Amino acid sequence: KLELNSAGHRHSRTNRKDKSLGLLCYKFIARYPNYPNPAVNNDINVERRRIYDIMNVLESLNMVSRLAKNRYTWHGRVKLAQTLAMLKQAGKENRYGQLMQQIRQRSLDCI
């Protein structure tokens, strides 16, 4: 969307939701197949810092591996089920469910 600002200059109008990390990760994953690919290029149309954010999220889920600066290997969803199972187990061991329940209750108590 292009608009004119008060000085008459054109600028693109994007809302905050369009730039959310969750949506950007979703768009990025939609670009690539479920199977491993030798290399992933940073060709998504977002700011460079957001690419780093996206890659950090995907790397934490074992969906990509960093090869070098700005170079990644794509694993896709091949390792995702195993990674999520490990995270679920770590959550149980650390009682994250109970902690989240306590936080929710405190939030409700403050209302």
PDB file of N, CA and C in Angstrom:
ATOM      1  N   LYS A   1       0.835  -1.166   0.000  1.00  0.00           N
ATOM      2  CA  LYS A   1       0.000   0.000   0.000  1.00  0.00           C
ATOM      3  C   LYS A   1       0.885   1.236   0.000  1.00  0.00           C
ATOM      4  N   LEU A   2       0.697   2.116  -0.937  1.00  0.00           N
ATOM      5  CA  LEU A   2       1.458   3.362  -0.990  1.00  0.00           C
ATOM      6  C   LEU A   2       0.548   4.515  -0.639  1.00  0.00           C
ATOM      7  N   GLU A   3       1.063   5.412   0.185  1.00  0.00           N
ATOM      8  CA  GLU A   3       0.318   6.604   0.570  1.00  0.00           C
ATOM      9  C   GLU A   3       1.246   7.800   0.516  1.00  0.00           C
ATOM     10  N   LEU A   4       0.671   8.987   0.553  1.00  0.00           N
ATOM     11  CA  LEU A   4       1.445  10.218   0.638  1.00  0.00           C
ATOM     12  C   LEU A   4       1.416  10.696   2.076  1.00  0.00           C
ATOM     13  N   ASN A   5       2.594  11.092   2.590  1.00  0.00           N
ATOM     14  CA  ASN A   5       2.603  11.643   3.939  1.00  0.00           C
ATOM     15  C   ASN A   5       2.322  13.137   3.880  1.00  0.00           C
ATOM     16  N   SER A   6       2.390  13.820   5.014  1.00  0.00           N
ATOM     17  CA  SER A   6       2.023  15.240   5.058  1.00  0.00           C
ATOM     18  C   SER A   6       2.924  16.104   4.189  1.00  0.00           C
ATOM     19  N   ALA A   7       4.141  15.656   3.912  1.00  0.00           N
ATOM     20  CA  ALA A   7       5.065  16.417   3.073  1.00  0.00           C
ATOM     21  C   ALA A   7       4.890  16.063   1.595  1.00  0.00           C
ATOM     22  N   GLY A   8       3.967  15.169   1.288  1.00  0.00           N
ATOM     23  CA  GLY A   8       3.723  14.782  -0.094  1.00  0.00           C
ATOM     24  C   GLY A   8       4.629  13.678  -0.600  1.00  0.00           C
ATOM     25  N   HIS A   9       5.408  13.062   0.288  1.00  0.00           N
ATOM     26  CA  HIS A   9       6.303  11.972  -0.099  1.00  0.00           C
ATOM     27  C   HIS A   9       5.561  10.642  -0.025  1.00  0.00           C
ATOM     28  N   ARG A  10       5.876   9.760  -0.970  1.00  0.00           N
ATOM     29  CA  ARG A  10       5.247   8.442  -0.971  1.00  0.00           C
ATOM     30  C   ARG A  10       5.957   7.525   0.012  1.00  0.00           C
ATOM     31  N   HIS A  11       5.196   6.741   0.717  1.00  0.00           N
ATOM     32  CA  HIS A  11       5.757   5.726   1.607  1.00  0.00           C
ATOM     33  C   HIS A  11       4.802   4.545   1.654  1.00  0.00           C
ATOM     34  N   SER A  12       5.358   3.382   1.971  1.00  0.00           N
ATOM     35  CA  SER A  12       4.496   2.204   2.043  1.00  0.00           C
ATOM     36  C   SER A  12       3.874   2.145   3.427  1.00  0.00           C
ATOM     37  N   ARG A  13       2.659   1.697   3.463  1.00  0.00           N
ATOM     38  CA  ARG A  13       1.930   1.611   4.727  1.00  0.00           C
ATOM     39  C   ARG A  13       1.771   0.142   5.090  1.00  0.00           C
ATOM     40  N   THR A  14       2.403  -0.264   6.161  1.00  0.00           N
ATOM     41  CA  THR A  14       2.233  -1.612   6.671  1.00  0.00           C
ATOM     42  C   THR A  14       1.832  -1.491   8.126  1.00  0.00           C
ATOM     43  N   ASN A  15       0.976  -2.367   8.545  1.00  0.00           N
ATOM     44  CA  ASN A  15       0.592  -2.295   9.945  1.00  0.00           C
ATOM     45  C   ASN A  15       1.483  -3.205  10.776  1.00  0.00           C
ATOM     46  N   ARG A  16       1.389  -3.055  12.071  1.00  0.00           N
ATOM     47  CA  ARG A  16       2.235  -3.789  13.004  1.00  0.00           C
ATOM     48  C   ARG A  16       2.054  -5.308  12.862  1.00  0.00           C
ATOM     49  N   LYS A  17       0.820  -5.740  12.622  1.00  0.00           N
ATOM     50  CA  LYS A  17       0.540  -7.166  12.497  1.00  0.00           C
ATOM     51  C   LYS A  17       1.292  -7.784  11.320  1.00  0.00           C
ATOM     52  N   ASP A  18       1.422  -7.024  10.218  1.00  0.00           N
ATOM     53  CA  ASP A  18       2.121  -7.533   9.039  1.00  0.00           C
ATOM     54  C   ASP A  18       3.596  -7.798   9.315  1.00  0.00           C
ATOM     55  N   LYS A  19       4.142  -7.167  10.354  1.00  0.00           N
ATOM     56  CA  LYS A  19       5.560  -7.319  10.678  1.00  0.00           C
ATOM     57  C   LYS A  19       5.796  -8.244  11.866  1.00  0.00           C
ATOM     58  N   SER A  20       4.752  -8.877  12.390  1.00  0.00           N
ATOM     59  CA  SER A  20       4.915  -9.722  13.567  1.00  0.00           C
ATOM     60  C   SER A  20       5.836 -10.903  13.252  1.00  0.00           C
ATOM     61  N   LEU A  21       6.612 -11.289  14.237  1.00  0.00           N
ATOM     62  CA  LEU A  21       7.585 -12.360  14.048  1.00  0.00           C
ATOM     63  C   LEU A  21       6.898 -13.677  13.696  1.00  0.00           C
ATOM     64  N   GLY A  22       5.763 -13.953  14.326  1.00  0.00           N
ATOM     65  CA  GLY A  22       5.033 -15.182  14.018  1.00  0.00           C
ATOM     66  C   GLY A  22       4.585 -15.235  12.570  1.00  0.00           C
ATOM     67  N   LEU A  23       4.037 -14.132  12.076  1.00  0.00           N
ATOM     68  CA  LEU A  23       3.575 -14.080  10.689  1.00  0.00           C
ATOM     69  C   LEU A  23       4.752 -14.165   9.720  1.00  0.00           C
ATOM     70  N   LEU A  24       5.846 -13.490  10.038  1.00  0.00           N
ATOM     71  CA  LEU A  24       7.024 -13.545   9.165  1.00  0.00           C
ATOM     72  C   LEU A  24       7.602 -14.958   9.111  1.00  0.00           C
ATOM     73  N   CYS A  25       7.635 -15.649  10.247  1.00  0.00           N
ATOM     74  CA  CYS A  25       8.109 -17.041  10.257  1.00  0.00           C
ATOM     75  C   CYS A  25       7.192 -17.920   9.423  1.00  0.00           C
ATOM     76  N   TYR A  26       5.900 -17.702   9.564  1.00  0.00           N
ATOM     77  CA  TYR A  26       4.919 -18.473   8.789  1.00  0.00           C
ATOM     78  C   TYR A  26       5.140 -18.266   7.293  1.00  0.00           C
ATOM     79  N   LYS A  27       5.317 -17.002   6.877  1.00  0.00           N
ATOM     80  CA  LYS A  27       5.548 -16.702   5.455  1.00  0.00           C
ATOM     81  C   LYS A  27       6.853 -17.326   4.968  1.00  0.00           C
ATOM     82  N   PHE A  28       7.862 -17.266   5.810  1.00  0.00           N
ATOM     83  CA  PHE A  28       9.157 -17.826   5.435  1.00  0.00           C
ATOM     84  C   PHE A  28       9.062 -19.334   5.243  1.00  0.00           C
ATOM     85  N   ILE A  29       8.403 -20.012   6.177  1.00  0.00           N
ATOM     86  CA  ILE A  29       8.256 -21.467   6.089  1.00  0.00           C
ATOM     87  C   ILE A  29       7.435 -21.843   4.855  1.00  0.00           C
ATOM     88  N   ALA A  30       6.444 -21.027   4.522  1.00  0.00           N
ATOM     89  CA  ALA A  30       5.606 -21.307   3.351  1.00  0.00           C
ATOM     90  C   ALA A  30       6.411 -21.257   2.049  1.00  0.00           C
ATOM     91  N   ARG A  31       7.518 -20.517   2.045  1.00  0.00           N
ATOM     92  CA  ARG A  31       8.356 -20.403   0.842  1.00  0.00           C
ATOM     93  C   ARG A  31       9.151 -21.672   0.542  1.00  0.00           C
ATOM     94  N   TYR A  32       9.403 -22.455   1.563  1.00  0.00           N
ATOM     95  CA  TYR A  32      10.302 -23.599   1.410  1.00  0.00           C
ATOM     96  C   TYR A  32       9.567 -24.915   1.632  1.00  0.00           C
ATOM     97  N   PRO A  33      10.035 -25.971   0.996  1.00  0.00           N
ATOM     98  CA  PRO A  33       9.379 -27.281   1.111  1.00  0.00           C
ATOM     99  C   PRO A  33       9.631 -27.935   2.470  1.00  0.00           C
ATOM    100  N   ASN A  34       8.951 -29.020   2.702  1.00  0.00           N
ATOM    101  CA  ASN A  34       9.102 -29.773   3.950  1.00  0.00           C
ATOM    102  C   ASN A  34      10.376 -30.609   3.978  1.00  0.00           C
ATOM    103  N   TYR A  35      10.960 -30.825   2.853  1.00  0.00           N
ATOM    104  CA  TYR A  35      12.145 -31.674   2.799  1.00  0.00           C
ATOM    105  C   TYR A  35      13.421 -30.823   2.822  1.00  0.00           C
ATOM    106  N   PRO A  36      14.536 -31.416   3.268  1.00  0.00           N
ATOM    107  CA  PRO A  36      15.788 -30.652   3.352  1.00  0.00           C
ATOM    108  C   PRO A  36      16.227 -30.084   2.007  1.00  0.00           C
ATOM    109  N   ASN A  37      16.804 -28.933   2.050  1.00  0.00           N
ATOM    110  CA  ASN A  37      17.286 -28.215   0.876  1.00  0.00           C
ATOM    111  C   ASN A  37      18.725 -27.799   1.183  1.00  0.00           C
ATOM    112  N   PRO A  38      19.644 -27.902   0.246  1.00  0.00           N
ATOM    113  CA  PRO A  38      21.051 -27.620   0.549  1.00  0.00           C
ATOM    114  C   PRO A  38      21.318 -26.220   1.093  1.00  0.00           C
ATOM    115  N   ALA A  39      20.624 -25.220   0.639  1.00  0.00           N
ATOM    116  CA  ALA A  39      20.909 -23.859   1.125  1.00  0.00           C
ATOM    117  C   ALA A  39      19.649 -23.009   1.089  1.00  0.00           C
ATOM    118  N   VAL A  40      19.556 -22.124   2.057  1.00  0.00           N
ATOM    119  CA  VAL A  40      18.450 -21.180   2.137  1.00  0.00           C
ATOM    120  C   VAL A  40      19.020 -19.791   1.929  1.00  0.00           C
ATOM    121  N   ASN A  41      18.445 -19.038   1.002  1.00  0.00           N
ATOM    122  CA  ASN A  41      18.861 -17.661   0.778  1.00  0.00           C
ATOM    123  C   ASN A  41      17.920 -16.730   1.514  1.00  0.00           C
ATOM    124  N   ASN A  42      18.442 -15.604   1.956  1.00  0.00           N
ATOM    125  CA  ASN A  42      17.616 -14.610   2.635  1.00  0.00           C
ATOM    126  C   ASN A  42      16.906 -13.761   1.595  1.00  0.00           C
ATOM    127  N   ASP A  43      15.985 -14.354   0.858  1.00  0.00           N
ATOM    128  CA  ASP A  43      15.315 -13.627  -0.222  1.00  0.00           C
ATOM    129  C   ASP A  43      13.895 -13.194   0.131  1.00  0.00           C
ATOM    130  N   ILE A  44      13.523 -13.275   1.401  1.00  0.00           N
ATOM    131  CA  ILE A  44      12.198 -12.812   1.809  1.00  0.00           C
ATOM    132  C   ILE A  44      12.261 -11.288   1.937  1.00  0.00           C
ATOM    133  N   ASN A  45      11.205 -10.617   1.570  1.00  0.00           N
ATOM    134  CA  ASN A  45      11.208  -9.159   1.467  1.00  0.00           C
ATOM    135  C   ASN A  45      10.920  -8.494   2.816  1.00  0.00           C
ATOM    136  N   VAL A  46      11.874  -8.586   3.750  1.00  0.00           N
ATOM    137  CA  VAL A  46      11.759  -7.926   5.054  1.00  0.00           C
ATOM    138  C   VAL A  46      13.108  -7.322   5.419  1.00  0.00           C
ATOM    139  N   GLU A  47      13.102  -6.515   6.473  1.00  0.00           N
ATOM    140  CA  GLU A  47      14.343  -5.895   6.932  1.00  0.00           C
ATOM    141  C   GLU A  47      15.330  -6.966   7.389  1.00  0.00           C
ATOM    142  N   ARG A  48      16.607  -6.647   7.245  1.00  0.00           N
ATOM    143  CA  ARG A  48      17.661  -7.604   7.590  1.00  0.00           C
ATOM    144  C   ARG A  48      17.557  -8.089   9.036  1.00  0.00           C
ATOM    145  N   ARG A  49      17.277  -7.195   9.966  1.00  0.00           N
ATOM    146  CA  ARG A  49      17.208  -7.598  11.375  1.00  0.00           C
ATOM    147  C   ARG A  49      16.083  -8.608  11.607  1.00  0.00           C
ATOM    148  N   ARG A  50      15.000  -8.499  10.829  1.00  0.00           N
ATOM    149  CA  ARG A  50      13.902  -9.439  10.969  1.00  0.00           C
ATOM    150  C   ARG A  50      14.295 -10.820  10.433  1.00  0.00           C
ATOM    151  N   ILE A  51      15.159 -10.855   9.410  1.00  0.00           N
ATOM    152  CA  ILE A  51      15.678 -12.141   8.913  1.00  0.00           C
ATOM    153  C   ILE A  51      16.423 -12.846  10.041  1.00  0.00           C
ATOM    154  N   TYR A  52      17.243 -12.101  10.786  1.00  0.00           N
ATOM    155  CA  TYR A  52      17.969 -12.708  11.907  1.00  0.00           C
ATOM    156  C   TYR A  52      17.003 -13.234  12.956  1.00  0.00           C
ATOM    157  N   ASP A  53      15.953 -12.477  13.240  1.00  0.00           N
ATOM    158  CA  ASP A  53      14.946 -12.934  14.198  1.00  0.00           C
ATOM    159  C   ASP A  53      14.284 -14.228  13.722  1.00  0.00           C
ATOM    160  N   ILE A  54      13.886 -14.254  12.452  1.00  0.00           N
ATOM    161  CA  ILE A  54      13.247 -15.436  11.874  1.00  0.00           C
ATOM    162  C   ILE A  54      14.196 -16.628  11.961  1.00  0.00           C
ATOM    163  N   MET A  55      15.428 -16.430  11.556  1.00  0.00           N
ATOM    164  CA  MET A  55      16.398 -17.523  11.565  1.00  0.00           C
ATOM    165  C   MET A  55      16.668 -18.027  12.976  1.00  0.00           C
ATOM    166  N   ASN A  56      16.684 -17.129  13.957  1.00  0.00           N
ATOM    167  CA  ASN A  56      16.880 -17.565  15.343  1.00  0.00           C
ATOM    168  C   ASN A  56      15.738 -18.459  15.807  1.00  0.00           C
ATOM    169  N   VAL A  57      14.512 -18.093  15.470  1.00  0.00           N
ATOM    170  CA  VAL A  57      13.355 -18.920  15.832  1.00  0.00           C
ATOM    171  C   VAL A  57      13.463 -20.279  15.146  1.00  0.00           C
ATOM    172  N   LEU A  58      13.700 -20.281  13.837  1.00  0.00           N
ATOM    173  CA  LEU A  58      13.763 -21.538  13.091  1.00  0.00           C
ATOM    174  C   LEU A  58      14.942 -22.392  13.527  1.00  0.00           C
ATOM    175  N   GLU A  59      16.057 -21.759  13.867  1.00  0.00           N
ATOM    176  CA  GLU A  59      17.221 -22.503  14.337  1.00  0.00           C
ATOM    177  C   GLU A  59      16.926 -23.151  15.697  1.00  0.00           C
ATOM    178  N   SER A  60      16.195 -22.447  16.557  1.00  0.00           N
ATOM    179  CA  SER A  60      15.843 -23.020  17.861  1.00  0.00           C
ATOM    180  C   SER A  60      14.918 -24.219  17.728  1.00  0.00           C
ATOM    181  N   LEU A  61      14.189 -24.296  16.613  1.00  0.00           N
ATOM    182  CA  LEU A  61      13.307 -25.432  16.349  1.00  0.00           C
ATOM    183  C   LEU A  61      13.983 -26.497  15.478  1.00  0.00           C
ATOM    184  N   ASN A  62      15.277 -26.338  15.226  1.00  0.00           N
ATOM    185  CA  ASN A  62      16.051 -27.259  14.388  1.00  0.00           C
ATOM    186  C   ASN A  62      15.516 -27.355  12.968  1.00  0.00           C
ATOM    187  N   MET A  63      14.963 -26.270  12.465  1.00  0.00           N
ATOM    188  CA  MET A  63      14.461 -26.245  11.088  1.00  0.00           C
ATOM    189  C   MET A  63      15.530 -25.716  10.133  1.00  0.00           C
ATOM    190  N   VAL A  64      16.505 -24.973  10.659  1.00  0.00           N
ATOM    191  CA  VAL A  64      17.644 -24.506   9.872  1.00  0.00           C
ATOM    192  C   VAL A  64      18.898 -24.638  10.730  1.00  0.00           C
ATOM    193  N   SER A  65      20.040 -24.684  10.063  1.00  0.00           N
ATOM    194  CA  SER A  65      21.339 -24.643  10.728  1.00  0.00           C
ATOM    195  C   SER A  65      22.158 -23.546  10.081  1.00  0.00           C
ATOM    196  N   ARG A  66      22.875 -22.810  10.881  1.00  0.00           N
ATOM    197  CA  ARG A  66      23.718 -21.736  10.360  1.00  0.00           C
ATOM    198  C   ARG A  66      25.023 -22.323   9.850  1.00  0.00           C
ATOM    199  N   LEU A  67      25.357 -22.030   8.586  1.00  0.00           N
ATOM    200  CA  LEU A  67      26.618 -22.484   7.997  1.00  0.00           C
ATOM    201  C   LEU A  67      27.705 -21.437   8.165  1.00  0.00           C
ATOM    202  N   ALA A  68      27.352 -20.196   7.891  1.00  0.00           N
ATOM    203  CA  ALA A  68      28.269 -19.064   7.974  1.00  0.00           C
ATOM    204  C   ALA A  68      27.407 -17.808   8.033  1.00  0.00           C
ATOM    205  N   LYS A  69      28.028 -16.669   8.075  1.00  0.00           N
ATOM    206  CA  LYS A  69      27.265 -15.419   8.115  1.00  0.00           C
ATOM    207  C   LYS A  69      26.327 -15.357   6.906  1.00  0.00           C
ATOM    208  N   ASN A  70      25.039 -15.184   7.202  1.00  0.00           N
ATOM    209  CA  ASN A  70      23.993 -15.093   6.173  1.00  0.00           C
ATOM    210  C   ASN A  70      23.841 -16.352   5.316  1.00  0.00           C
ATOM    211  N   ARG A  71      24.314 -17.475   5.789  1.00  0.00           N
ATOM    212  CA  ARG A  71      24.163 -18.750   5.063  1.00  0.00           C
ATOM    213  C   ARG A  71      23.621 -19.803   6.005  1.00  0.00           C
ATOM    214  N   TYR A  72      22.572 -20.484   5.559  1.00  0.00           N
ATOM    215  CA  TYR A  72      21.892 -21.470   6.378  1.00  0.00           C
ATOM    216  C   TYR A  72      21.601 -22.717   5.562  1.00  0.00           C
ATOM    217  N   THR A  73      21.501 -23.847   6.254  1.00  0.00           N
ATOM    218  CA  THR A  73      21.027 -25.079   5.639  1.00  0.00           C
ATOM    219  C   THR A  73      19.617 -25.310   6.137  1.00  0.00           C
ATOM    220  N   TRP A  74      18.731 -25.611   5.215  1.00  0.00           N
ATOM    221  CA  TRP A  74      17.318 -25.827   5.530  1.00  0.00           C
ATOM    222  C   TRP A  74      17.059 -27.296   5.818  1.00  0.00           C
ATOM    223  N   HIS A  75      16.479 -27.594   6.973  1.00  0.00           N
ATOM    224  CA  HIS A  75      16.100 -28.961   7.328  1.00  0.00           C
ATOM    225  C   HIS A  75      14.596 -29.169   7.184  1.00  0.00           C
ATOM    226  N   GLY A  76      13.870 -28.091   7.135  1.00  0.00           N
ATOM    227  CA  GLY A  76      12.421 -28.186   7.032  1.00  0.00           C
ATOM    228  C   GLY A  76      11.813 -28.741   8.304  1.00  0.00           C
ATOM    229  N   ARG A  77      10.711 -29.424   8.154  1.00  0.00           N
ATOM    230  CA  ARG A  77       9.982 -29.947   9.312  1.00  0.00           C
ATOM    231  C   ARG A  77      10.425 -31.356   9.694  1.00  0.00           C
ATOM    232  N   VAL A  78      11.478 -31.847   9.059  1.00  0.00           N
ATOM    233  CA  VAL A  78      11.947 -33.219   9.295  1.00  0.00           C
ATOM    234  C   VAL A  78      12.227 -33.467  10.777  1.00  0.00           C
ATOM    235  N   LYS A  79      12.869 -32.529  11.447  1.00  0.00           N
ATOM    236  CA  LYS A  79      13.255 -32.694  12.852  1.00  0.00           C
ATOM    237  C   LYS A  79      12.260 -32.040  13.812  1.00  0.00           C
ATOM    238  N   LEU A  80      11.200 -31.444  13.294  1.00  0.00           N
ATOM    239  CA  LEU A  80      10.301 -30.641  14.123  1.00  0.00           C
ATOM    240  C   LEU A  80       9.578 -31.468  15.192  1.00  0.00           C
ATOM    241  N   ALA A  81       9.035 -32.613  14.837  1.00  0.00           N
ATOM    242  CA  ALA A  81       8.313 -33.438  15.812  1.00  0.00           C
ATOM    243  C   ALA A  81       9.223 -33.847  16.967  1.00  0.00           C
ATOM    244  N   GLN A  82      10.447 -34.239  16.645  1.00  0.00           N
ATOM    245  CA  GLN A  82      11.413 -34.636  17.670  1.00  0.00           C
ATOM    246  C   GLN A  82      11.766 -33.447  18.564  1.00  0.00           C
ATOM    247  N   THR A  83      11.972 -32.283  17.966  1.00  0.00           N
ATOM    248  CA  THR A  83      12.315 -31.080  18.724  1.00  0.00           C
ATOM    249  C   THR A  83      11.176 -30.677  19.654  1.00  0.00           C
ATOM    250  N   LEU A  84       9.946 -30.702  19.139  1.00  0.00           N
ATOM    251  CA  LEU A  84       8.798 -30.340  19.965  1.00  0.00           C
ATOM    252  C   LEU A  84       8.603 -31.333  21.111  1.00  0.00           C
ATOM    253  N   ALA A  85       8.865 -32.606  20.853  1.00  0.00           N
ATOM    254  CA  ALA A  85       8.768 -33.617  21.911  1.00  0.00           C
ATOM    255  C   ALA A  85       9.806 -33.347  23.007  1.00  0.00           C
ATOM    256  N   MET A  86      11.020 -32.974  22.605  1.00  0.00           N
ATOM    257  CA  MET A  86      12.065 -32.642  23.588  1.00  0.00           C
ATOM    258  C   MET A  86      11.672 -31.413  24.404  1.00  0.00           C
ATOM    259  N   LEU A  87      11.118 -30.397  23.734  1.00  0.00           N
ATOM    260  CA  LEU A  87      10.691 -29.187  24.436  1.00  0.00           C
ATOM    261  C   LEU A  87       9.548 -29.485  25.414  1.00  0.00           C
ATOM    262  N   LYS A  88       8.629 -30.337  24.996  1.00  0.00           N
ATOM    263  CA  LYS A  88       7.514 -30.723  25.856  1.00  0.00           C
ATOM    264  C   LYS A  88       8.032 -31.439  27.101  1.00  0.00           C
ATOM    265  N   GLN A  89       8.978 -32.350  26.907  1.00  0.00           N
ATOM    266  CA  GLN A  89       9.562 -33.082  28.031  1.00  0.00           C
ATOM    267  C   GLN A  89      10.301 -32.136  28.970  1.00  0.00           C
ATOM    268  N   ALA A  90      11.064 -31.198  28.410  1.00  0.00           N
ATOM    269  CA  ALA A  90      11.776 -30.218  29.243  1.00  0.00           C
ATOM    270  C   ALA A  90      10.778 -29.365  30.024  1.00  0.00           C
ATOM    271  N   GLY A  91       9.670 -29.018  29.390  1.00  0.00           N
ATOM    272  CA  GLY A  91       8.628 -28.252  30.071  1.00  0.00           C
ATOM    273  C   GLY A  91       8.045 -29.006  31.253  1.00  0.00           C
ATOM    274  N   LYS A  92       7.806 -30.306  31.071  1.00  0.00           N
ATOM    275  CA  LYS A  92       7.284 -31.132  32.166  1.00  0.00           C
ATOM    276  C   LYS A  92       8.291 -31.224  33.309  1.00  0.00           C
ATOM    277  N   GLU A  93       9.550 -31.477  32.946  1.00  0.00           N
ATOM    278  CA  GLU A  93      10.592 -31.618  33.958  1.00  0.00           C
ATOM    279  C   GLU A  93      10.792 -30.334  34.758  1.00  0.00           C
ATOM    280  N   ASN A  94      10.634 -29.207  34.113  1.00  0.00           N
ATOM    281  CA  ASN A  94      10.828 -27.914  34.781  1.00  0.00           C
ATOM    282  C   ASN A  94       9.527 -27.305  35.296  1.00  0.00           C
ATOM    283  N   ARG A  95       8.448 -28.053  35.169  1.00  0.00           N
ATOM    284  CA  ARG A  95       7.132 -27.641  35.670  1.00  0.00           C
ATOM    285  C   ARG A  95       6.668 -26.308  35.084  1.00  0.00           C
ATOM    286  N   TYR A  96       6.915 -26.120  33.793  1.00  0.00           N
ATOM    287  CA  TYR A  96       6.498 -24.876  33.150  1.00  0.00           C
ATOM    288  C   TYR A  96       4.981 -24.729  33.117  1.00  0.00           C
ATOM    289  N   GLY A  97       4.261 -25.840  33.012  1.00  0.00           N
ATOM    290  CA  GLY A  97       2.808 -25.781  33.027  1.00  0.00           C
ATOM    291  C   GLY A  97       2.291 -25.191  34.332  1.00  0.00           C
ATOM    292  N   GLN A  98       2.864 -25.636  35.442  1.00  0.00           N
ATOM    293  CA  GLN A  98       2.461 -25.117  36.750  1.00  0.00           C
ATOM    294  C   GLN A  98       2.825 -23.637  36.881  1.00  0.00           C
ATOM    295  N   LEU A  99       4.010 -23.283  36.402  1.00  0.00           N
ATOM    296  CA  LEU A  99       4.437 -21.882  36.475  1.00  0.00           C
ATOM    297  C   LEU A  99       3.506 -20.989  35.657  1.00  0.00           C
ATOM    298  N   MET A 100       3.130 -21.439  34.470  1.00  0.00           N
ATOM    299  CA  MET A 100       2.220 -20.659  33.632  1.00  0.00           C
ATOM    300  C   MET A 100       0.862 -20.509  34.309  1.00  0.00           C
ATOM    301  N   GLN A 101       0.404 -21.566  34.959  1.00  0.00           N
ATOM    302  CA  GLN A 101      -0.871 -21.518  35.690  1.00  0.00           C
ATOM    303  C   GLN A 101      -0.799 -20.477  36.806  1.00  0.00           C
ATOM    304  N   GLN A 102       0.311 -20.447  37.528  1.00  0.00           N
ATOM    305  CA  GLN A 102       0.492 -19.478  38.607  1.00  0.00           C
ATOM    306  C   GLN A 102       0.508 -18.049  38.068  1.00  0.00           C
ATOM    307  N   ILE A 103       1.170 -17.855  36.945  1.00  0.00           N
ATOM    308  CA  ILE A 103       1.232 -16.522  36.330  1.00  0.00           C
ATOM    309  C   ILE A 103      -0.156 -16.077  35.892  1.00  0.00           C
ATOM    310  N   ARG A 104      -0.896 -16.987  35.270  1.00  0.00           N
ATOM    311  CA  ARG A 104      -2.271 -16.660  34.863  1.00  0.00           C
ATOM    312  C   ARG A 104      -3.130 -16.288  36.061  1.00  0.00           C
ATOM    313  N   GLN A 105      -2.993 -17.058  37.128  1.00  0.00           N
ATOM    314  CA  GLN A 105      -3.795 -16.795  38.329  1.00  0.00           C
ATOM    315  C   GLN A 105      -3.443 -15.433  38.923  1.00  0.00           C
ATOM    316  N   ARG A 106      -2.160 -15.107  38.963  1.00  0.00           N
ATOM    317  CA  ARG A 106      -1.740 -13.792  39.488  1.00  0.00           C
ATOM    318  C   ARG A 106      -2.298 -12.668  38.637  1.00  0.00           C
ATOM    319  N   SER A 107      -2.302 -12.874  37.323  1.00  0.00           N
ATOM    320  CA  SER A 107      -2.853 -11.861  36.415  1.00  0.00           C
ATOM    321  C   SER A 107      -4.338 -11.657  36.683  1.00  0.00           C
ATOM    322  N   LEU A 108      -5.068 -12.751  36.913  1.00  0.00           N
ATOM    323  CA  LEU A 108      -6.496 -12.655  37.197  1.00  0.00           C
ATOM    324  C   LEU A 108      -6.752 -12.005  38.558  1.00  0.00           C
ATOM    325  N   ASP A 109      -5.875 -12.284  39.509  1.00  0.00           N
ATOM    326  CA  ASP A 109      -6.023 -11.685  40.833  1.00  0.00           C
ATOM    327  C   ASP A 109      -5.829 -10.174  40.813  1.00  0.00           C
ATOM    328  N   CYS A 110      -5.049  -9.696  39.857  1.00  0.00           N
ATOM    329  CA  CYS A 110      -4.771  -8.246  39.744  1.00  0.00           C
ATOM    330  C   CYS A 110      -5.905  -7.483  39.096  1.00  0.00           C
ATOM    331  N   ILE A 111      -6.802  -8.185  38.453  1.00  0.00           N
ATOM    332  CA  ILE A 111      -7.906  -7.512  37.738  1.00  0.00           C
ATOM    333  C   ILE A 111      -8.972  -7.049  38.686  1.00  0.00           C
TER     334      ILE A 111
END
